[in-house]
Amino acid sequence: MGSSLLRFTSLLMVFLLVGMAFSSLSPAAQALEEEKPEAKKAEALLRLALRTGERVGWLLEKLELRGFEVPEEAKEAYAEGKDLLRKASTLLEEGKYEETVEASLEALAKFKQALILLDREDLEKLRAKRLEEAINRAEKFIERLRKIVERAEQAGY
């Protein structure tokens, strides 16, 4: 019976020591937990800036393919935004969350600047040109349908 009491007290001491060890690690664990929201915020903002950069790049590319002359200042602002995104990614990997947020916000501002620099009048002209092309295609389609109807009537349908 004495040996079982000795085992019980030994196990109790081990559990107490383990519990104390975990409680002493608790402040470090709490510091990591407190850091996570900051990291999540920085990561989410960087993802948003990356998606925005992709969309602005896609838009600029499409405009150029359709004959729109994108101003050089807009291209430069876009390129600066992309550079800031690379910087933000590096900062995030280094654990510099506040700097990541700042670089991501600066990148978003550059993308906004690139869009603002697009000439509104030229965009309206491009839209009008695209609309005119769509109207011409519709008129050609209507003319083909009329010819089909005429042939069908001549054939007795």
C-alpha atoms as a PDB file:
ATOM      1  CA  MET A   1       0.000   0.000   0.000  1.00  0.00           C
ATOM      2  CA  GLY A   2       2.895   2.322   0.702  1.00  0.00           C
ATOM      3  CA  SER A   3       4.270   1.824  -2.791  1.00  0.00           C
ATOM      4  CA  SER A   4       0.966   2.793  -4.418  1.00  0.00           C
ATOM      5  CA  LEU A   5       0.885   5.960  -2.324  1.00  0.00           C
ATOM      6  CA  LEU A   6       4.417   6.691  -3.457  1.00  0.00           C
ATOM      7  CA  ARG A   7       3.425   6.149  -7.105  1.00  0.00           C
ATOM      8  CA  PHE A   8       0.403   8.385  -6.699  1.00  0.00           C
ATOM      9  CA  THR A   9       2.466  11.222  -5.183  1.00  0.00           C
ATOM     10  CA  SER A  10       5.121  10.778  -7.876  1.00  0.00           C
ATOM     11  CA  LEU A  11       2.517  11.018 -10.634  1.00  0.00           C
ATOM     12  CA  LEU A  12       0.925  13.995  -8.929  1.00  0.00           C
ATOM     13  CA  MET A  13       4.322  15.737  -8.786  1.00  0.00           C
ATOM     14  CA  VAL A  14       4.931  14.991 -12.492  1.00  0.00           C
ATOM     15  CA  PHE A  15       1.543  16.439 -13.425  1.00  0.00           C
ATOM     16  CA  LEU A  16       2.169  19.510 -11.285  1.00  0.00           C
ATOM     17  CA  LEU A  17       5.585  20.041 -12.882  1.00  0.00           C
ATOM     18  CA  VAL A  18       4.136  19.628 -16.389  1.00  0.00           C
ATOM     19  CA  GLY A  19       1.321  22.019 -15.517  1.00  0.00           C
ATOM     20  CA  MET A  20       3.803  24.583 -14.223  1.00  0.00           C
ATOM     21  CA  ALA A  21       5.897  24.220 -17.379  1.00  0.00           C
ATOM     22  CA  PHE A  22       2.868  24.869 -19.562  1.00  0.00           C
ATOM     23  CA  SER A  23       1.807  27.824 -17.460  1.00  0.00           C
ATOM     24  CA  SER A  24       5.288  29.344 -17.806  1.00  0.00           C
ATOM     25  CA  LEU A  25       5.045  28.909 -21.594  1.00  0.00           C
ATOM     26  CA  SER A  26       1.673  30.584 -21.559  1.00  0.00           C
ATOM     27  CA  PRO A  27       2.974  34.186 -21.875  1.00  0.00           C
ATOM     28  CA  ALA A  28       4.984  33.214 -24.946  1.00  0.00           C
ATOM     29  CA  ALA A  29       1.958  31.469 -26.412  1.00  0.00           C
ATOM     30  CA  GLN A  30      -0.157  34.513 -25.626  1.00  0.00           C
ATOM     31  CA  ALA A  31       2.352  36.762 -27.385  1.00  0.00           C
ATOM     32  CA  LEU A  32       2.106  34.570 -30.486  1.00  0.00           C
ATOM     33  CA  GLU A  33      -1.694  34.699 -30.321  1.00  0.00           C
ATOM     34  CA  GLU A  34      -1.623  38.473 -30.023  1.00  0.00           C
ATOM     35  CA  GLU A  35       0.637  38.665 -33.060  1.00  0.00           C
ATOM     36  CA  LYS A  36      -1.666  36.585 -35.251  1.00  0.00           C
ATOM     37  CA  PRO A  37      -4.403  39.195 -35.830  1.00  0.00           C
ATOM     38  CA  GLU A  38      -1.755  41.654 -36.984  1.00  0.00           C
ATOM     39  CA  ALA A  39      -0.282  39.050 -39.324  1.00  0.00           C
ATOM     40  CA  LYS A  40      -3.709  38.109 -40.639  1.00  0.00           C
ATOM     41  CA  LYS A  41      -4.553  41.742 -41.294  1.00  0.00           C
ATOM     42  CA  ALA A  42      -1.286  42.286 -43.168  1.00  0.00           C
ATOM     43  CA  GLU A  43      -1.746  39.104 -45.187  1.00  0.00           C
ATOM     44  CA  ALA A  44      -5.365  39.921 -46.080  1.00  0.00           C
ATOM     45  CA  LEU A  45      -4.472  43.435 -47.186  1.00  0.00           C
ATOM     46  CA  LEU A  46      -1.581  42.130 -49.271  1.00  0.00           C
ATOM     47  CA  ARG A  47      -3.904  39.603 -50.963  1.00  0.00           C
ATOM     48  CA  LEU A  48      -6.357  42.404 -51.740  1.00  0.00           C
ATOM     49  CA  ALA A  49      -3.584  44.560 -53.196  1.00  0.00           C
ATOM     50  CA  LEU A  50      -2.310  41.620 -55.283  1.00  0.00           C
ATOM     51  CA  ARG A  51      -5.778  40.990 -56.745  1.00  0.00           C
ATOM     52  CA  THR A  52      -6.229  44.688 -57.440  1.00  0.00           C
ATOM     53  CA  GLY A  53      -2.855  44.813 -59.162  1.00  0.00           C
ATOM     54  CA  GLU A  54      -3.784  41.851 -61.337  1.00  0.00           C
ATOM     55  CA  ARG A  55      -7.064  43.487 -62.356  1.00  0.00           C
ATOM     56  CA  VAL A  56      -5.485  46.847 -63.143  1.00  0.00           C
ATOM     57  CA  GLY A  57      -2.768  45.120 -65.164  1.00  0.00           C
ATOM     58  CA  TRP A  58      -5.382  43.126 -67.052  1.00  0.00           C
ATOM     59  CA  LEU A  59      -7.357  46.290 -67.782  1.00  0.00           C
ATOM     60  CA  LEU A  60      -4.324  48.211 -69.049  1.00  0.00           C
ATOM     61  CA  GLU A  61      -3.347  45.277 -71.266  1.00  0.00           C
ATOM     62  CA  LYS A  62      -6.855  44.940 -72.713  1.00  0.00           C
ATOM     63  CA  LEU A  63      -7.080  48.657 -73.405  1.00  0.00           C
ATOM     64  CA  GLU A  64      -3.800  48.598 -75.314  1.00  0.00           C
ATOM     65  CA  LEU A  65      -4.909  45.543 -77.297  1.00  0.00           C
ATOM     66  CA  ARG A  66      -8.053  47.419 -78.327  1.00  0.00           C
ATOM     67  CA  GLY A  67      -6.111  50.403 -79.602  1.00  0.00           C
ATOM     68  CA  PHE A  68      -6.317  52.653 -76.571  1.00  0.00           C
ATOM     69  CA  GLU A  69      -3.120  54.555 -75.867  1.00  0.00           C
ATOM     70  CA  VAL A  70      -2.382  54.122 -72.168  1.00  0.00           C
ATOM     71  CA  PRO A  71      -0.483  57.179 -70.870  1.00  0.00           C
ATOM     72  CA  GLU A  72       3.106  56.532 -69.825  1.00  0.00           C
ATOM     73  CA  GLU A  73       2.376  57.989 -66.370  1.00  0.00           C
ATOM     74  CA  ALA A  74      -0.324  55.360 -65.833  1.00  0.00           C
ATOM     75  CA  LYS A  75       2.077  52.578 -66.812  1.00  0.00           C
ATOM     76  CA  GLU A  76       4.697  53.980 -64.436  1.00  0.00           C
ATOM     77  CA  ALA A  77       2.213  54.211 -61.564  1.00  0.00           C
ATOM     78  CA  TYR A  78       1.189  50.600 -62.210  1.00  0.00           C
ATOM     79  CA  ALA A  79       4.849  49.472 -62.274  1.00  0.00           C
ATOM     80  CA  GLU A  80       5.525  51.317 -59.004  1.00  0.00           C
ATOM     81  CA  GLY A  81       2.526  49.565 -57.470  1.00  0.00           C
ATOM     82  CA  LYS A  82       3.873  46.177 -58.562  1.00  0.00           C
ATOM     83  CA  ASP A  83       7.267  47.034 -57.017  1.00  0.00           C
ATOM     84  CA  LEU A  84       5.554  47.964 -53.769  1.00  0.00           C
ATOM     85  CA  LEU A  85       3.734  44.610 -53.791  1.00  0.00           C
ATOM     86  CA  ARG A  86       7.040  42.757 -54.101  1.00  0.00           C
ATOM     87  CA  LYS A  87       8.360  44.807 -51.192  1.00  0.00           C
ATOM     88  CA  ALA A  88       5.219  44.061 -49.147  1.00  0.00           C
ATOM     89  CA  SER A  89       5.580  40.322 -49.804  1.00  0.00           C
ATOM     90  CA  THR A  90       9.169  40.396 -48.585  1.00  0.00           C
ATOM     91  CA  LEU A  91       8.181  42.374 -45.492  1.00  0.00           C
ATOM     92  CA  LEU A  92       5.437  39.876 -44.696  1.00  0.00           C
ATOM     93  CA  GLU A  93       7.895  36.987 -44.931  1.00  0.00           C
ATOM     94  CA  GLU A  94      10.185  38.863 -42.531  1.00  0.00           C
ATOM     95  CA  GLY A  95       7.333  39.298 -40.057  1.00  0.00           C
ATOM     96  CA  LYS A  96       7.213  43.083 -40.426  1.00  0.00           C
ATOM     97  CA  TYR A  97       3.439  43.350 -40.432  1.00  0.00           C
ATOM     98  CA  GLU A  98       3.010  47.116 -39.994  1.00  0.00           C
ATOM     99  CA  GLU A  99       5.428  47.779 -42.854  1.00  0.00           C
ATOM    100  CA  THR A 100       3.564  45.194 -44.949  1.00  0.00           C
ATOM    101  CA  VAL A 101       0.306  47.058 -44.386  1.00  0.00           C
ATOM    102  CA  GLU A 102       1.922  50.382 -45.307  1.00  0.00           C
ATOM    103  CA  ALA A 103       3.492  49.004 -48.502  1.00  0.00           C
ATOM    104  CA  SER A 104       0.206  47.324 -49.497  1.00  0.00           C
ATOM    105  CA  LEU A 105      -1.715  50.568 -48.997  1.00  0.00           C
ATOM    106  CA  GLU A 106       0.878  52.480 -51.021  1.00  0.00           C
ATOM    107  CA  ALA A 107       0.541  49.902 -53.812  1.00  0.00           C
ATOM    108  CA  LEU A 108      -3.255  50.319 -53.810  1.00  0.00           C
ATOM    109  CA  ALA A 109      -2.778  54.100 -54.061  1.00  0.00           C
ATOM    110  CA  LYS A 110      -0.475  53.627 -57.077  1.00  0.00           C
ATOM    111  CA  PHE A 111      -3.039  51.389 -58.796  1.00  0.00           C
ATOM    112  CA  LYS A 112      -5.718  54.005 -58.157  1.00  0.00           C
ATOM    113  CA  GLN A 113      -3.431  56.660 -59.602  1.00  0.00           C
ATOM    114  CA  ALA A 114      -2.882  54.522 -62.719  1.00  0.00           C
ATOM    115  CA  LEU A 115      -6.632  54.310 -63.269  1.00  0.00           C
ATOM    116  CA  ILE A 116      -7.172  58.019 -62.676  1.00  0.00           C
ATOM    117  CA  LEU A 117      -4.518  58.848 -65.271  1.00  0.00           C
ATOM    118  CA  LEU A 118      -6.495  57.118 -68.007  1.00  0.00           C
ATOM    119  CA  ASP A 119      -8.047  59.766 -70.229  1.00  0.00           C
ATOM    120  CA  ARG A 120     -11.826  59.649 -69.753  1.00  0.00           C
ATOM    121  CA  GLU A 121     -12.551  61.151 -73.178  1.00  0.00           C
ATOM    122  CA  ASP A 122     -10.456  58.513 -74.911  1.00  0.00           C
ATOM    123  CA  LEU A 123     -12.248  55.811 -72.933  1.00  0.00           C
ATOM    124  CA  GLU A 124     -15.612  57.212 -74.022  1.00  0.00           C
ATOM    125  CA  LYS A 125     -14.421  57.244 -77.651  1.00  0.00           C
ATOM    126  CA  LEU A 126     -13.307  53.637 -77.279  1.00  0.00           C
ATOM    127  CA  ARG A 127     -16.707  52.677 -75.825  1.00  0.00           C
ATOM    128  CA  ALA A 128     -18.482  54.490 -78.672  1.00  0.00           C
ATOM    129  CA  LYS A 129     -16.302  52.698 -81.221  1.00  0.00           C
ATOM    130  CA  ARG A 130     -17.059  49.306 -79.621  1.00  0.00           C
ATOM    131  CA  LEU A 131     -20.776  50.131 -79.548  1.00  0.00           C
ATOM    132  CA  GLU A 132     -20.713  51.145 -83.210  1.00  0.00           C
ATOM    133  CA  GLU A 133     -18.974  47.870 -84.090  1.00  0.00           C
ATOM    134  CA  ALA A 134     -21.635  45.924 -82.166  1.00  0.00           C
ATOM    135  CA  ILE A 135     -24.412  47.792 -84.002  1.00  0.00           C
ATOM    136  CA  ASN A 136     -22.788  47.009 -87.370  1.00  0.00           C
ATOM    137  CA  ARG A 137     -22.554  43.313 -86.472  1.00  0.00           C
ATOM    138  CA  ALA A 138     -26.225  43.318 -85.442  1.00  0.00           C
ATOM    139  CA  GLU A 139     -27.261  45.011 -88.710  1.00  0.00           C
ATOM    140  CA  LYS A 140     -25.348  42.394 -90.739  1.00  0.00           C
ATOM    141  CA  PHE A 141     -27.008  39.625 -88.752  1.00  0.00           C
ATOM    142  CA  ILE A 142     -30.455  41.143 -89.366  1.00  0.00           C
ATOM    143  CA  GLU A 143     -29.707  41.361 -93.106  1.00  0.00           C
ATOM    144  CA  ARG A 144     -28.726  37.669 -93.180  1.00  0.00           C
ATOM    145  CA  LEU A 145     -31.946  36.770 -91.372  1.00  0.00           C
ATOM    146  CA  ARG A 146     -33.987  38.747 -93.926  1.00  0.00           C
ATOM    147  CA  LYS A 147     -32.323  36.849 -96.780  1.00  0.00           C
ATOM    148  CA  ILE A 148     -33.062  33.535 -95.080  1.00  0.00           C
ATOM    149  CA  VAL A 149     -36.718  34.541 -94.609  1.00  0.00           C
ATOM    150  CA  GLU A 150     -36.955  35.600 -98.277  1.00  0.00           C
ATOM    151  CA  ARG A 151     -35.533  32.272 -99.474  1.00  0.00           C
ATOM    152  CA  ALA A 152     -37.871  30.405 -97.142  1.00  0.00           C
ATOM    153  CA  GLU A 153     -40.875  32.308 -98.527  1.00  0.00           C
ATOM    154  CA  GLN A 154     -39.756  31.625-102.108  1.00  0.00           C
ATOM    155  CA  ALA A 155     -39.431  27.957-101.263  1.00  0.00           C
ATOM    156  CA  GLY A 156     -43.025  27.952 -99.981  1.00  0.00           C
ATOM    157  CA  TYR A 157     -42.495  27.831 -96.248  1.00  0.00           C
END
